[in-house]
Amino acid sequence: KIQLLVHLNSKRMRLSEIQNELMQRDVLFEENQNRSELSMLLQKNIDEKRNANSSPSENDIIMLDVSNFSYSDIIKNQYPLSKGWAIKGKQKYEKKGSESCIAKEVLDLLKGFFHIRNVDSSQSYLPEDILRALNEKANNNELERTKIPKIETIRNWIFRYSSVMKKEMAERMLVNISNNN
């Protein structure tokens, strides 16, 4: 007969793990007890069970450390980030503000839609209108559908581009004023 002794490291366990282990061992405890009290209670129960059994020979004992099993289960099942999430190559926003997500040909079309409003204010395009026009170009095979940005990307681009254009216009006005004086 082989006896299986389980070694639990209650100091490395979470409160919920300690509570679950105590429930499995039918040990009574109060919900408001803190982690250290429950840890001591669990350790006491483990020691009592170990001492209650007659000490078998070393050949009959298999030690199994399950503290690592529960830790790996927690990592696999409850940790929200996927493996390798911190690798620099997988970072999503490393080129923030570089407009690299918008293709050059789409960028030229967006600038055209933007400047139409400057020429004739009655021809103002909303982001939804721009997206509709880009989809029409994709339907006519003038543009790849994969290059069409999302509506939110178009809105953000319009906001950034209008800020840049306002700044450029202000700088031009200052240069004109200084040249006239």
Foldseek 3Di string as FASTA:
>chain_A
DADEQEDEDLVLDDQVVLVVVCVVVVHDDDPPDDSVVSSVVVVVVSVVVVVVDDDDDPVRYDYDYCNVVVVVVCVVPPDPDDPPCPPPVNDDCPPPPPPPLADPVLVVLLVVQLCVCVVPVVSHDQLVNSLVVVVVCCVVVNDPPSNRDDSVVSVVVSVVVVVVVVVVVVVVVVVVVVVVD
